[in-house]
Amino acid sequence: MKVKRRTVWLLTLFSLAAVISVYYLFEGNRDVNLSAVFTDDPLEQTTLTGVDQLTNTSTSTESYLFDDLRIQVDNERSQIRTQLTNKIASNEFTNEEKNEAFNQMNQLIKQESSEAMLEMLIKSLGYSDAFVRVEEDKVQVQVLSDELSTKQANDIIYTVRKEVEDMNITNVTVGFQSSYY
C-alpha cells in the first residue's frame, strides 16, 4: 500500500512540476524576483518588483470579439451535457443506451479539449485571439487579424492537421475577423 501511495505522490509532484514548467515557458514576463515570495518578512515590508500594474485602458475590445461565440457554444454544450447526464442517471434507459451516452459525453470532453488546445496553439503563432470549432469531420478557425495571407492560413491549417491527426478531420476552414470591425 505504501508503494502505491509513493507512486501517487511522485506522479502528483511530477505533474505539478510539468504544469509549472509549461506556465513559465509561455509566460512573457520572465523578470521575476522570487526572493520576495520566499521571505520571512511581513507582507507590509515586502516589495514586489517586476509586477506591472494593470489598468482598464490595457484591455481592448479585441479580446471580446469571440466571447459571444464561445458563450453560445458553451450554452449549447451545457444543454447537451445535462441531457446526457440525465440519461446516464435515469433508470428508463438500457445499459447500452447509457453506455452510448457516456461515450458521447467523453467525446464532447475530448472535442472541447481539442478546441482549447488548438486555440492556444494558434495564439502562439502570433494572433491575439482565435476561435476554433470542431464539428464531426471539419474544423472552423477564426483568428483576430487585420488581414490573412495564404501563407498564414496554410500555417494555421498545418497546425490544426498536425494536432488532430487522430480525429479523422477532412476539412479545415480558416477565416479572419478584423479588429477594426
N, C-alpha and C. Protein backbone atom coordinates (compact mmCIF):
# COMPACT_ATOMS: atom_id res chain seq x y z
N MET A 1 0.82 -1.19 0.00
CA MET A 1 0.00 0.00 0.00
C MET A 1 0.86 1.26 0.00
N LYS A 2 2.03 1.21 0.69
CA LYS A 2 2.92 2.37 0.72
C LYS A 2 3.53 2.65 -0.65
N VAL A 3 3.73 1.60 -1.43
CA VAL A 3 4.30 1.79 -2.77
C VAL A 3 3.32 2.57 -3.64
N LYS A 4 2.04 2.23 -3.56
CA LYS A 4 1.04 2.95 -4.35
C LYS A 4 0.96 4.42 -3.91
N ARG A 5 1.02 4.63 -2.60
CA ARG A 5 0.95 5.99 -2.09
C ARG A 5 2.16 6.80 -2.55
N ARG A 6 3.33 6.20 -2.53
CA ARG A 6 4.53 6.88 -3.01
C ARG A 6 4.44 7.16 -4.50
N THR A 7 3.91 6.21 -5.25
CA THR A 7 3.76 6.39 -6.69
C THR A 7 2.80 7.54 -6.99
N VAL A 8 1.70 7.60 -6.25
CA VAL A 8 0.74 8.68 -6.45
C VAL A 8 1.39 10.02 -6.13
N TRP A 9 2.13 10.09 -5.04
CA TRP A 9 2.81 11.33 -4.68
C TRP A 9 3.83 11.72 -5.75
N LEU A 10 4.57 10.76 -6.24
CA LEU A 10 5.58 11.03 -7.26
C LEU A 10 4.91 11.55 -8.53
N LEU A 11 3.84 10.91 -8.96
CA LEU A 11 3.14 11.36 -10.15
C LEU A 11 2.51 12.73 -9.95
N THR A 12 1.99 12.98 -8.76
CA THR A 12 1.41 14.29 -8.46
C THR A 12 2.48 15.38 -8.52
N LEU A 13 3.60 15.14 -7.90
CA LEU A 13 4.68 16.13 -7.93
C LEU A 13 5.22 16.33 -9.33
N PHE A 14 5.35 15.25 -10.10
CA PHE A 14 5.83 15.34 -11.47
C PHE A 14 4.87 16.16 -12.33
N SER A 15 3.56 15.90 -12.18
CA SER A 15 2.59 16.65 -12.98
C SER A 15 2.57 18.12 -12.57
N LEU A 16 2.72 18.40 -11.30
CA LEU A 16 2.79 19.77 -10.83
C LEU A 16 4.01 20.49 -11.42
N ALA A 17 5.14 19.81 -11.41
CA ALA A 17 6.35 20.39 -12.00
C ALA A 17 6.17 20.63 -13.49
N ALA A 18 5.50 19.71 -14.18
CA ALA A 18 5.26 19.87 -15.61
C ALA A 18 4.36 21.07 -15.88
N VAL A 19 3.31 21.24 -15.09
CA VAL A 19 2.38 22.37 -15.28
C VAL A 19 3.11 23.69 -15.02
N ILE A 20 3.88 23.75 -13.97
CA ILE A 20 4.62 24.97 -13.66
C ILE A 20 5.65 25.27 -14.75
N SER A 21 6.30 24.25 -15.27
CA SER A 21 7.27 24.45 -16.34
C SER A 21 6.62 24.99 -17.60
N VAL A 22 5.48 24.44 -17.97
CA VAL A 22 4.76 24.92 -19.15
C VAL A 22 4.31 26.35 -18.94
N TYR A 23 3.85 26.67 -17.75
CA TYR A 23 3.42 28.03 -17.45
C TYR A 23 4.57 29.02 -17.65
N TYR A 24 5.73 28.71 -17.12
CA TYR A 24 6.85 29.63 -17.23
C TYR A 24 7.42 29.67 -18.65
N LEU A 25 7.23 28.63 -19.43
CA LEU A 25 7.66 28.66 -20.82
C LEU A 25 6.84 29.65 -21.63
N PHE A 26 5.54 29.71 -21.37
CA PHE A 26 4.66 30.55 -22.16
C PHE A 26 4.42 31.93 -21.56
N GLU A 27 4.94 32.18 -20.37
CA GLU A 27 4.76 33.48 -19.74
C GLU A 27 5.72 34.47 -20.38
N GLY A 28 5.20 35.67 -20.68
CA GLY A 28 6.01 36.67 -21.36
C GLY A 28 7.00 37.37 -20.44
N ASN A 29 6.62 37.68 -19.22
CA ASN A 29 7.47 38.42 -18.30
C ASN A 29 8.29 37.44 -17.47
N ARG A 30 9.57 37.35 -17.77
CA ARG A 30 10.42 36.40 -17.06
C ARG A 30 11.34 37.11 -16.04
N ASP A 31 11.14 38.39 -15.87
CA ASP A 31 11.94 39.15 -14.92
C ASP A 31 11.24 39.14 -13.57
N VAL A 32 11.30 38.00 -12.89
CA VAL A 32 10.57 37.82 -11.65
C VAL A 32 11.56 37.62 -10.51
N ASN A 33 11.32 38.30 -9.41
CA ASN A 33 12.16 38.17 -8.23
C ASN A 33 11.46 37.24 -7.25
N LEU A 34 11.88 35.98 -7.20
CA LEU A 34 11.23 35.01 -6.34
C LEU A 34 11.67 35.13 -4.88
N SER A 35 12.69 35.93 -4.62
CA SER A 35 13.11 36.09 -3.23
C SER A 35 12.04 36.78 -2.40
N ALA A 36 11.18 37.57 -3.05
CA ALA A 36 10.09 38.23 -2.32
C ALA A 36 9.03 37.22 -1.91
N VAL A 37 8.91 36.15 -2.63
CA VAL A 37 7.92 35.13 -2.30
C VAL A 37 8.39 34.29 -1.13
N PHE A 38 9.67 33.96 -1.11
CA PHE A 38 10.21 33.09 -0.08
C PHE A 38 10.98 33.91 0.95
N THR A 39 10.26 34.70 1.70
CA THR A 39 10.89 35.54 2.71
C THR A 39 10.09 35.43 4.00
N ASP A 40 10.75 35.73 5.11
CA ASP A 40 10.08 35.70 6.40
C ASP A 40 9.55 37.07 6.80
N ASP A 41 9.80 38.08 5.97
CA ASP A 41 9.33 39.43 6.27
C ASP A 41 7.81 39.48 6.21
N PRO A 42 7.21 40.33 7.05
CA PRO A 42 5.75 40.52 6.94
C PRO A 42 5.40 41.10 5.57
N LEU A 43 4.18 40.87 5.15
CA LEU A 43 3.73 41.30 3.83
C LEU A 43 3.84 42.81 3.65
N GLU A 44 3.62 43.57 4.71
CA GLU A 44 3.68 45.02 4.61
C GLU A 44 5.09 45.50 4.28
N GLN A 45 6.13 44.74 4.71
CA GLN A 45 7.50 45.15 4.49
C GLN A 45 8.08 44.59 3.19
N THR A 46 7.33 43.78 2.50
CA THR A 46 7.81 43.15 1.27
C THR A 46 7.41 43.98 0.07
N THR A 47 8.38 44.26 -0.78
CA THR A 47 8.12 45.00 -2.00
C THR A 47 8.29 44.04 -3.18
N LEU A 48 7.24 43.94 -3.98
CA LEU A 48 7.32 43.10 -5.17
C LEU A 48 7.88 43.91 -6.31
N THR A 49 8.86 43.35 -6.99
CA THR A 49 9.43 44.03 -8.15
C THR A 49 9.09 43.25 -9.40
N GLY A 50 9.03 43.94 -10.49
CA GLY A 50 8.74 43.28 -11.77
C GLY A 50 7.27 43.00 -11.99
N VAL A 51 6.39 43.58 -11.16
CA VAL A 51 4.95 43.36 -11.32
C VAL A 51 4.36 44.62 -11.94
N ASP A 52 3.74 44.46 -13.09
CA ASP A 52 3.12 45.59 -13.77
C ASP A 52 1.75 45.86 -13.16
N GLN A 53 1.42 47.13 -13.02
CA GLN A 53 0.10 47.49 -12.54
C GLN A 53 -0.85 47.49 -13.73
N LEU A 54 -1.94 46.76 -13.62
CA LEU A 54 -2.90 46.68 -14.71
C LEU A 54 -3.88 47.85 -14.60
N THR A 55 -4.21 48.42 -15.75
CA THR A 55 -5.21 49.47 -15.79
C THR A 55 -6.31 49.04 -16.74
N ASN A 56 -7.45 49.68 -16.64
CA ASN A 56 -8.56 49.35 -17.51
C ASN A 56 -8.29 49.71 -18.95
N THR A 57 -7.36 50.62 -19.22
CA THR A 57 -7.09 51.01 -20.58
C THR A 57 -6.29 49.95 -21.33
N SER A 58 -5.67 49.02 -20.63
CA SER A 58 -4.88 48.00 -21.31
C SER A 58 -5.76 46.92 -21.94
N THR A 59 -7.00 46.83 -21.50
CA THR A 59 -7.91 45.85 -22.07
C THR A 59 -8.64 46.49 -23.23
N SER A 60 -8.54 45.85 -24.39
CA SER A 60 -9.22 46.41 -25.56
C SER A 60 -10.39 45.52 -25.93
N THR A 61 -11.19 46.00 -26.84
CA THR A 61 -12.35 45.23 -27.27
C THR A 61 -11.95 44.02 -28.10
N GLU A 62 -10.71 43.94 -28.54
CA GLU A 62 -10.26 42.81 -29.35
C GLU A 62 -10.45 41.48 -28.62
N SER A 63 -10.22 41.49 -27.32
CA SER A 63 -10.29 40.24 -26.57
C SER A 63 -11.73 39.76 -26.39
N TYR A 64 -12.71 40.58 -26.75
CA TYR A 64 -14.10 40.20 -26.55
C TYR A 64 -14.81 39.81 -27.84
N LEU A 65 -14.12 39.85 -28.97
CA LEU A 65 -14.78 39.58 -30.24
C LEU A 65 -15.34 38.17 -30.34
N PHE A 66 -14.64 37.20 -29.82
CA PHE A 66 -15.08 35.82 -29.94
C PHE A 66 -15.79 35.32 -28.68
N ASP A 67 -15.92 36.17 -27.67
CA ASP A 67 -16.55 35.74 -26.43
C ASP A 67 -18.02 35.36 -26.62
N ASP A 68 -18.74 36.10 -27.46
CA ASP A 68 -20.15 35.76 -27.71
C ASP A 68 -20.27 34.37 -28.34
N LEU A 69 -19.37 34.09 -29.28
CA LEU A 69 -19.39 32.75 -29.91
C LEU A 69 -19.07 31.67 -28.88
N ARG A 70 -18.08 31.93 -28.03
CA ARG A 70 -17.71 30.95 -27.01
C ARG A 70 -18.87 30.71 -26.04
N ILE A 71 -19.55 31.77 -25.65
CA ILE A 71 -20.68 31.63 -24.73
C ILE A 71 -21.80 30.83 -25.38
N GLN A 72 -22.07 31.10 -26.65
CA GLN A 72 -23.11 30.37 -27.37
C GLN A 72 -22.78 28.88 -27.45
N VAL A 73 -21.55 28.56 -27.81
CA VAL A 73 -21.14 27.15 -27.90
C VAL A 73 -21.18 26.51 -26.53
N ASP A 74 -20.73 27.24 -25.51
CA ASP A 74 -20.74 26.70 -24.15
C ASP A 74 -22.17 26.41 -23.68
N ASN A 75 -23.11 27.29 -24.00
CA ASN A 75 -24.51 27.06 -23.63
C ASN A 75 -25.08 25.84 -24.33
N GLU A 76 -24.79 25.70 -25.63
CA GLU A 76 -25.26 24.53 -26.38
C GLU A 76 -24.71 23.24 -25.77
N ARG A 77 -23.43 23.26 -25.48
CA ARG A 77 -22.80 22.05 -24.94
C ARG A 77 -23.24 21.77 -23.51
N SER A 78 -23.52 22.80 -22.78
CA SER A 78 -24.03 22.62 -21.42
C SER A 78 -25.38 21.91 -21.45
N GLN A 79 -26.24 22.29 -22.39
CA GLN A 79 -27.53 21.62 -22.54
C GLN A 79 -27.34 20.16 -22.94
N ILE A 80 -26.44 19.91 -23.87
CA ILE A 80 -26.17 18.53 -24.29
C ILE A 80 -25.62 17.72 -23.12
N ARG A 81 -24.71 18.33 -22.37
CA ARG A 81 -24.11 17.64 -21.21
C ARG A 81 -25.18 17.30 -20.17
N THR A 82 -26.11 18.22 -19.95
CA THR A 82 -27.20 17.98 -18.99
C THR A 82 -28.09 16.84 -19.47
N GLN A 83 -28.42 16.83 -20.75
CA GLN A 83 -29.24 15.75 -21.30
C GLN A 83 -28.54 14.40 -21.16
N LEU A 84 -27.25 14.38 -21.47
CA LEU A 84 -26.50 13.12 -21.37
C LEU A 84 -26.38 12.66 -19.92
N THR A 85 -26.16 13.59 -19.01
CA THR A 85 -26.06 13.24 -17.60
C THR A 85 -27.38 12.69 -17.09
N ASN A 86 -28.47 13.31 -17.47
CA ASN A 86 -29.79 12.82 -17.07
C ASN A 86 -30.06 11.43 -17.64
N LYS A 87 -29.62 11.21 -18.86
CA LYS A 87 -29.80 9.90 -19.49
C LYS A 87 -29.00 8.83 -18.76
N ILE A 88 -27.80 9.16 -18.38
CA ILE A 88 -26.95 8.19 -17.67
C ILE A 88 -27.52 7.89 -16.29
N ALA A 89 -28.06 8.89 -15.61
CA ALA A 89 -28.58 8.71 -14.26
C ALA A 89 -29.98 8.11 -14.23
N SER A 90 -30.67 8.10 -15.36
CA SER A 90 -32.05 7.63 -15.39
C SER A 90 -32.13 6.11 -15.41
N ASN A 91 -33.22 5.59 -14.85
CA ASN A 91 -33.47 4.15 -14.87
C ASN A 91 -34.31 3.73 -16.08
N GLU A 92 -34.73 4.71 -16.89
CA GLU A 92 -35.60 4.43 -18.03
C GLU A 92 -34.84 3.89 -19.24
N PHE A 93 -33.52 3.97 -19.23
CA PHE A 93 -32.73 3.59 -20.40
C PHE A 93 -31.97 2.30 -20.12
N THR A 94 -31.67 1.60 -21.20
CA THR A 94 -30.91 0.35 -21.08
C THR A 94 -29.44 0.67 -20.84
N ASN A 95 -28.69 -0.36 -20.47
CA ASN A 95 -27.26 -0.18 -20.24
C ASN A 95 -26.53 0.24 -21.52
N GLU A 96 -26.98 -0.29 -22.67
CA GLU A 96 -26.36 0.09 -23.93
C GLU A 96 -26.57 1.57 -24.23
N GLU A 97 -27.78 2.08 -23.96
CA GLU A 97 -28.08 3.48 -24.18
C GLU A 97 -27.30 4.38 -23.22
N LYS A 98 -27.16 3.92 -21.98
CA LYS A 98 -26.38 4.67 -21.01
C LYS A 98 -24.90 4.68 -21.40
N ASN A 99 -24.42 3.55 -21.89
CA ASN A 99 -23.03 3.45 -22.34
C ASN A 99 -22.78 4.38 -23.53
N GLU A 100 -23.74 4.43 -24.44
CA GLU A 100 -23.63 5.33 -25.59
C GLU A 100 -23.62 6.78 -25.14
N ALA A 101 -24.45 7.14 -24.17
CA ALA A 101 -24.48 8.50 -23.63
C ALA A 101 -23.16 8.83 -22.95
N PHE A 102 -22.60 7.86 -22.24
CA PHE A 102 -21.31 8.06 -21.59
C PHE A 102 -20.22 8.30 -22.64
N ASN A 103 -20.24 7.52 -23.72
CA ASN A 103 -19.26 7.70 -24.79
C ASN A 103 -19.42 9.06 -25.46
N GLN A 104 -20.66 9.50 -25.63
CA GLN A 104 -20.90 10.83 -26.21
C GLN A 104 -20.37 11.92 -25.29
N MET A 105 -20.53 11.73 -23.99
CA MET A 105 -20.02 12.69 -23.01
C MET A 105 -18.49 12.77 -23.10
N ASN A 106 -17.84 11.62 -23.19
CA ASN A 106 -16.38 11.60 -23.32
C ASN A 106 -15.94 12.24 -24.62
N GLN A 107 -16.68 12.02 -25.70
CA GLN A 107 -16.36 12.63 -26.99
C GLN A 107 -16.50 14.15 -26.91
N LEU A 108 -17.51 14.62 -26.21
CA LEU A 108 -17.73 16.06 -26.03
C LEU A 108 -16.57 16.68 -25.25
N ILE A 109 -16.12 15.99 -24.22
CA ILE A 109 -14.98 16.48 -23.43
C ILE A 109 -13.72 16.52 -24.28
N LYS A 110 -13.50 15.48 -25.07
CA LYS A 110 -12.33 15.43 -25.95
C LYS A 110 -12.39 16.55 -26.98
N GLN A 111 -13.56 16.82 -27.51
CA GLN A 111 -13.75 17.88 -28.50
C GLN A 111 -13.45 19.24 -27.88
N GLU A 112 -13.94 19.49 -26.69
CA GLU A 112 -13.68 20.77 -26.01
C GLU A 112 -12.19 20.94 -25.73
N SER A 113 -11.53 19.86 -25.31
CA SER A 113 -10.09 19.92 -25.04
C SER A 113 -9.31 20.21 -26.31
N SER A 114 -9.70 19.57 -27.39
CA SER A 114 -9.02 19.80 -28.67
C SER A 114 -9.18 21.24 -29.12
N GLU A 115 -10.38 21.78 -28.97
CA GLU A 115 -10.61 23.18 -29.36
C GLU A 115 -9.77 24.13 -28.52
N ALA A 116 -9.70 23.90 -27.23
CA ALA A 116 -8.91 24.77 -26.35
C ALA A 116 -7.43 24.68 -26.70
N MET A 117 -6.96 23.46 -26.97
CA MET A 117 -5.54 23.28 -27.33
C MET A 117 -5.24 23.97 -28.66
N LEU A 118 -6.14 23.82 -29.64
CA LEU A 118 -5.93 24.46 -30.93
C LEU A 118 -5.93 25.97 -30.81
N GLU A 119 -6.83 26.52 -30.00
CA GLU A 119 -6.85 27.97 -29.80
C GLU A 119 -5.53 28.45 -29.21
N MET A 120 -5.00 27.70 -28.24
CA MET A 120 -3.74 28.08 -27.63
C MET A 120 -2.60 28.00 -28.65
N LEU A 121 -2.58 26.95 -29.45
CA LEU A 121 -1.52 26.80 -30.46
C LEU A 121 -1.60 27.90 -31.51
N ILE A 122 -2.80 28.24 -31.94
CA ILE A 122 -2.96 29.28 -32.94
C ILE A 122 -2.56 30.64 -32.38
N LYS A 123 -2.90 30.90 -31.12
CA LYS A 123 -2.48 32.15 -30.49
C LYS A 123 -0.96 32.21 -30.40
N SER A 124 -0.33 31.06 -30.22
CA SER A 124 1.14 31.04 -30.14
C SER A 124 1.78 31.35 -31.49
N LEU A 125 1.01 31.30 -32.57
CA LEU A 125 1.53 31.69 -33.88
C LEU A 125 1.57 33.21 -34.04
N GLY A 126 1.06 33.95 -33.06
CA GLY A 126 1.15 35.40 -33.09
C GLY A 126 -0.18 36.11 -33.20
N TYR A 127 -1.28 35.41 -33.10
CA TYR A 127 -2.60 36.04 -33.18
C TYR A 127 -3.07 36.38 -31.77
N SER A 128 -3.72 37.54 -31.62
CA SER A 128 -4.14 37.95 -30.29
C SER A 128 -5.34 37.15 -29.79
N ASP A 129 -6.16 36.60 -30.70
CA ASP A 129 -7.28 35.77 -30.29
C ASP A 129 -7.64 34.83 -31.42
N ALA A 130 -8.21 33.71 -31.05
CA ALA A 130 -8.64 32.71 -32.04
C ALA A 130 -9.86 31.99 -31.50
N PHE A 131 -10.72 31.57 -32.41
CA PHE A 131 -11.90 30.79 -32.06
C PHE A 131 -11.90 29.55 -32.94
N VAL A 132 -11.98 28.37 -32.30
CA VAL A 132 -11.94 27.10 -33.03
C VAL A 132 -13.19 26.32 -32.70
N ARG A 133 -13.80 25.76 -33.73
CA ARG A 133 -14.98 24.92 -33.56
C ARG A 133 -14.75 23.63 -34.32
N VAL A 134 -14.75 22.51 -33.61
CA VAL A 134 -14.59 21.19 -34.21
C VAL A 134 -15.96 20.55 -34.27
N GLU A 135 -16.37 20.16 -35.48
CA GLU A 135 -17.65 19.51 -35.68
C GLU A 135 -17.46 18.34 -36.63
N GLU A 136 -17.74 17.14 -36.15
CA GLU A 136 -17.65 15.91 -36.92
C GLU A 136 -16.31 15.81 -37.63
N ASP A 137 -16.29 16.03 -38.97
CA ASP A 137 -15.05 15.86 -39.72
C ASP A 137 -14.46 17.18 -40.20
N LYS A 138 -14.90 18.31 -39.63
CA LYS A 138 -14.36 19.60 -40.06
C LYS A 138 -14.01 20.48 -38.87
N VAL A 139 -13.08 21.38 -39.13
CA VAL A 139 -12.64 22.34 -38.13
C VAL A 139 -12.79 23.73 -38.73
N GLN A 140 -13.45 24.62 -37.99
CA GLN A 140 -13.59 26.01 -38.40
C GLN A 140 -12.74 26.87 -37.48
N VAL A 141 -11.88 27.69 -38.07
CA VAL A 141 -10.97 28.54 -37.31
C VAL A 141 -11.23 29.99 -37.70
N GLN A 142 -11.37 30.85 -36.70
CA GLN A 142 -11.45 32.28 -36.90
C GLN A 142 -10.34 32.91 -36.08
N VAL A 143 -9.55 33.78 -36.71
CA VAL A 143 -8.48 34.46 -35.99
C VAL A 143 -8.71 35.95 -36.03
N LEU A 144 -8.21 36.63 -35.03
CA LEU A 144 -8.29 38.08 -34.97
C LEU A 144 -7.07 38.63 -35.68
N SER A 145 -7.29 39.20 -36.85
CA SER A 145 -6.19 39.73 -37.66
C SER A 145 -6.76 40.73 -38.65
N ASP A 146 -5.98 41.73 -38.98
CA ASP A 146 -6.43 42.72 -39.95
C ASP A 146 -6.47 42.15 -41.36
N GLU A 147 -5.57 41.23 -41.64
CA GLU A 147 -5.55 40.53 -42.92
C GLU A 147 -4.93 39.16 -42.70
N LEU A 148 -5.20 38.27 -43.64
CA LEU A 148 -4.71 36.91 -43.51
C LEU A 148 -4.16 36.48 -44.86
N SER A 149 -2.86 36.26 -44.91
CA SER A 149 -2.24 35.84 -46.17
C SER A 149 -2.44 34.33 -46.36
N THR A 150 -2.17 33.88 -47.56
CA THR A 150 -2.27 32.46 -47.86
C THR A 150 -1.29 31.66 -47.02
N LYS A 151 -0.09 32.20 -46.84
CA LYS A 151 0.92 31.50 -46.03
C LYS A 151 0.45 31.38 -44.58
N GLN A 152 -0.13 32.45 -44.03
CA GLN A 152 -0.62 32.39 -42.66
C GLN A 152 -1.75 31.38 -42.53
N ALA A 153 -2.65 31.37 -43.49
CA ALA A 153 -3.75 30.39 -43.46
C ALA A 153 -3.20 28.97 -43.56
N ASN A 154 -2.20 28.76 -44.41
CA ASN A 154 -1.59 27.43 -44.53
C ASN A 154 -0.89 27.01 -43.25
N ASP A 155 -0.24 27.98 -42.56
CA ASP A 155 0.39 27.66 -41.27
C ASP A 155 -0.65 27.21 -40.25
N ILE A 156 -1.80 27.90 -40.23
CA ILE A 156 -2.87 27.53 -39.30
C ILE A 156 -3.41 26.15 -39.66
N ILE A 157 -3.65 25.90 -40.94
CA ILE A 157 -4.16 24.60 -41.38
C ILE A 157 -3.18 23.50 -41.02
N TYR A 158 -1.89 23.73 -41.23
CA TYR A 158 -0.87 22.74 -40.88
C TYR A 158 -0.88 22.46 -39.38
N THR A 159 -0.97 23.51 -38.58
CA THR A 159 -1.00 23.34 -37.12
C THR A 159 -2.22 22.54 -36.69
N VAL A 160 -3.37 22.84 -37.29
CA VAL A 160 -4.60 22.12 -36.93
C VAL A 160 -4.49 20.66 -37.34
N ARG A 161 -4.07 20.40 -38.56
CA ARG A 161 -3.98 19.00 -39.03
C ARG A 161 -2.97 18.19 -38.23
N LYS A 162 -1.87 18.84 -37.84
CA LYS A 162 -0.85 18.15 -37.04
C LYS A 162 -1.39 17.78 -35.66
N GLU A 163 -2.21 18.66 -35.09
CA GLU A 163 -2.73 18.44 -33.74
C GLU A 163 -3.86 17.42 -33.72
N VAL A 164 -4.68 17.36 -34.78
CA VAL A 164 -5.86 16.49 -34.78
C VAL A 164 -5.71 15.32 -35.76
N GLU A 165 -4.51 14.80 -35.87
CA GLU A 165 -4.25 13.69 -36.80
C GLU A 165 -5.16 12.49 -36.54
N ASP A 166 -5.43 12.21 -35.29
CA ASP A 166 -6.19 11.00 -34.94
C ASP A 166 -7.70 11.21 -34.95
N MET A 167 -8.19 12.39 -35.35
CA MET A 167 -9.62 12.67 -35.26
C MET A 167 -10.36 12.55 -36.59
N ASN A 168 -9.70 12.14 -37.66
CA ASN A 168 -10.35 11.94 -38.95
C ASN A 168 -10.97 13.24 -39.48
N ILE A 169 -10.21 14.32 -39.42
CA ILE A 169 -10.66 15.63 -39.92
C ILE A 169 -10.32 15.72 -41.40
N THR A 170 -11.32 16.06 -42.23
CA THR A 170 -11.10 16.16 -43.67
C THR A 170 -11.16 17.59 -44.18
N ASN A 171 -11.73 18.52 -43.41
CA ASN A 171 -11.92 19.87 -43.89
C ASN A 171 -11.55 20.87 -42.80
N VAL A 172 -10.62 21.78 -43.12
CA VAL A 172 -10.23 22.85 -42.20
C VAL A 172 -10.49 24.18 -42.89
N THR A 173 -11.31 25.01 -42.28
CA THR A 173 -11.66 26.31 -42.82
C THR A 173 -11.06 27.39 -41.93
N VAL A 174 -10.37 28.36 -42.56
CA VAL A 174 -9.74 29.44 -41.81
C VAL A 174 -10.30 30.77 -42.29
N GLY A 175 -10.73 31.59 -41.35
CA GLY A 175 -11.20 32.93 -41.66
C GLY A 175 -10.58 33.92 -40.69
N PHE A 176 -10.77 35.18 -40.97
CA PHE A 176 -10.23 36.18 -40.04
C PHE A 176 -11.28 37.23 -39.73
N GLN A 177 -11.17 37.78 -38.56
CA GLN A 177 -12.04 38.85 -38.10
C GLN A 177 -11.15 40.04 -37.86
N SER A 178 -11.45 41.15 -38.48
CA SER A 178 -10.66 42.35 -38.31
C SER A 178 -10.98 43.00 -36.98
N SER A 179 -9.98 43.60 -36.39
CA SER A 179 -10.18 44.31 -35.13
C SER A 179 -10.77 45.69 -35.37
N TYR A 180 -10.91 46.08 -36.64
CA TYR A 180 -11.48 47.38 -36.95
C TYR A 180 -12.98 47.33 -37.19
N TYR A 181 -13.57 46.13 -37.08
CA TYR A 181 -14.98 45.90 -37.34
C TYR A 181 -15.26 46.21 -38.77
